[in-house]
Protein backbone atom coordinates (compact mmCIF):
# COMPACT_ATOMS: atom_id res chain seq x y z
CA UNK A 1 25.90 -30.69 26.63
CA UNK A 2 26.72 -31.72 23.11
CA UNK A 3 26.99 -28.88 20.35
CA UNK A 4 27.55 -29.02 16.68
CA UNK A 5 28.61 -25.76 15.62
CA UNK A 6 28.45 -25.19 11.76
CA UNK A 7 30.13 -22.56 9.44
CA UNK A 8 30.96 -21.80 6.08
CA UNK A 9 27.70 -21.07 4.36
CA UNK A 10 26.57 -18.22 2.20
CA UNK A 11 25.85 -16.87 -1.33
CA UNK A 12 27.73 -17.92 -4.27
CA UNK A 13 27.38 -17.93 -7.80
CA UNK A 14 26.49 -21.14 -10.15
CA UNK A 15 30.00 -22.98 -10.71
CA UNK A 16 31.31 -21.41 -7.44
CA UNK A 17 32.75 -23.60 -4.30
CA UNK A 18 32.04 -23.26 -0.47
CA UNK A 19 33.61 -25.34 2.25
CA UNK A 20 31.22 -26.34 5.42
CA UNK A 21 32.69 -27.17 8.39
CA UNK A 22 30.99 -28.60 11.51
CA UNK A 23 32.97 -29.19 15.02
CA UNK A 24 31.36 -31.18 17.68
CA UNK A 25 31.91 -30.57 21.34
CA UNK A 26 30.74 -32.00 24.51
CA UNK A 27 31.04 -35.49 22.82
CA UNK A 28 30.59 -38.22 25.57
CA UNK A 29 30.00 -40.82 23.21
CA UNK A 30 31.81 -42.95 20.50
CA UNK A 31 31.06 -41.49 17.14
CA UNK A 32 29.71 -44.18 14.40
CA UNK A 33 29.48 -41.28 11.71
CA UNK A 34 29.36 -37.81 10.61
CA UNK A 35 26.84 -36.93 7.92
CA UNK A 36 25.80 -33.45 6.17
CA UNK A 37 21.97 -33.19 5.16
CA UNK A 38 19.98 -30.49 3.46
CA UNK A 39 16.62 -29.20 3.36
CA UNK A 40 14.58 -27.00 1.14
CA UNK A 41 11.26 -25.43 2.19
CA UNK A 42 8.57 -28.01 2.20
CA UNK A 43 10.75 -30.89 1.55
CA UNK A 44 11.94 -33.76 3.83
CA UNK A 45 15.63 -33.36 4.95
CA UNK A 46 17.89 -35.66 2.66
CA UNK A 47 21.24 -37.28 3.41
CA UNK A 48 23.96 -35.46 1.06
CA UNK A 49 27.21 -37.10 2.29
CA UNK A 50 28.67 -39.94 5.05
CA UNK A 51 32.02 -40.11 6.74
CA UNK A 52 32.22 -42.97 9.10
CA UNK A 53 34.71 -43.36 11.63
CA UNK A 54 36.14 -46.54 9.70
CA UNK A 55 36.64 -44.41 6.65
CA UNK A 56 33.43 -45.35 4.63
CA UNK A 57 32.44 -42.39 2.37
CA UNK A 58 28.87 -41.91 0.69
CA UNK A 59 27.08 -39.28 -1.25
CA UNK A 60 23.93 -38.73 -2.59
CA UNK A 61 23.91 -39.43 -6.32
CA UNK A 62 23.54 -35.35 -7.62
CA UNK A 63 26.40 -34.43 -5.54
CA UNK A 64 29.21 -37.34 -6.52
CA UNK A 65 31.84 -35.64 -8.26
CA UNK A 66 31.34 -32.43 -6.98
CA UNK A 67 31.16 -32.74 -2.95
CA UNK A 68 33.91 -34.35 -0.90
CA UNK A 69 33.29 -34.91 2.76
CA UNK A 70 36.20 -35.33 5.05
CA UNK A 71 37.13 -35.16 8.64
CA UNK A 72 39.42 -34.72 11.55
CA UNK A 73 38.76 -37.29 14.28
CA UNK A 74 40.96 -35.76 16.70
CA UNK A 75 38.82 -32.70 16.52
CA UNK A 76 35.51 -33.99 16.09
CA UNK A 77 35.21 -31.87 13.10
CA UNK A 78 33.80 -32.72 9.75
CA UNK A 79 34.06 -30.88 6.42
CA UNK A 80 32.14 -30.47 3.22
CA UNK A 81 33.96 -29.02 0.27
CA UNK A 82 31.34 -28.30 -2.43
CA UNK A 83 32.61 -27.55 -5.85
CA UNK A 84 30.59 -26.71 -9.20
CA UNK A 85 27.57 -25.53 -6.99
CA UNK A 86 24.37 -25.49 -8.89
CA UNK A 87 21.06 -23.57 -7.96
CA UNK A 88 19.74 -26.86 -7.03
CA UNK A 89 21.84 -27.01 -4.10
CA UNK A 90 20.32 -24.14 -2.55
CA UNK A 91 19.50 -25.44 0.92
CA UNK A 92 20.08 -25.16 4.69
CA UNK A 93 22.87 -27.56 5.43
CA UNK A 94 23.05 -29.23 8.45
CA UNK A 95 25.59 -31.27 10.52
CA UNK A 96 24.68 -34.68 12.02
CA UNK A 97 26.54 -36.95 14.57
CA UNK A 98 25.52 -40.38 14.93
CA UNK A 99 26.92 -42.82 17.83
CA UNK A 100 28.48 -46.00 17.37
CA UNK A 101 27.00 -49.17 18.51
CA UNK A 102 25.40 -50.03 20.73
CA UNK A 103 24.20 -46.61 21.38
CA UNK A 104 21.51 -45.09 19.07
CA UNK A 105 22.60 -41.15 19.70
CA UNK A 106 22.09 -38.66 16.87
CA UNK A 107 22.83 -34.98 17.54
CA UNK A 108 22.12 -32.00 14.89
CA UNK A 109 23.90 -28.98 14.17
CA UNK A 110 21.67 -25.55 13.73
CA UNK A 111 21.98 -25.22 10.07
CA UNK A 112 23.83 -23.03 7.75
CA UNK A 113 22.29 -21.59 4.47
CA UNK A 114 23.77 -22.25 1.05
CA UNK A 115 22.25 -19.87 -1.56
CA UNK A 116 23.51 -20.68 -5.32
CA UNK A 117 22.63 -17.75 -7.56
CA UNK A 118 22.11 -18.81 -11.64
């Protein structure tokens, strides 16, 4: 059974930093990408950062220059370093794993709350 376990969320003041971690276990397929999404109440889940297994990085515009995604392929772990946090970054952050082609498999973590106070 595939499990994604996230950690590192919490409460921080504006301008502060947090580091999220997500470790995947039970992976039986080849991973194509590991991603971080976030969601606020009443809003759709949005893609924050992507790390593909061939090294491509991509970020949502509002976090560019502040967030950094990185990974440890050997441990199936992905990190999200979040610096200079803003109140609008407050959300539940979800780890996501997508398989490489030709499969179309997607798994989600349970989410971790990040709250940034002004």
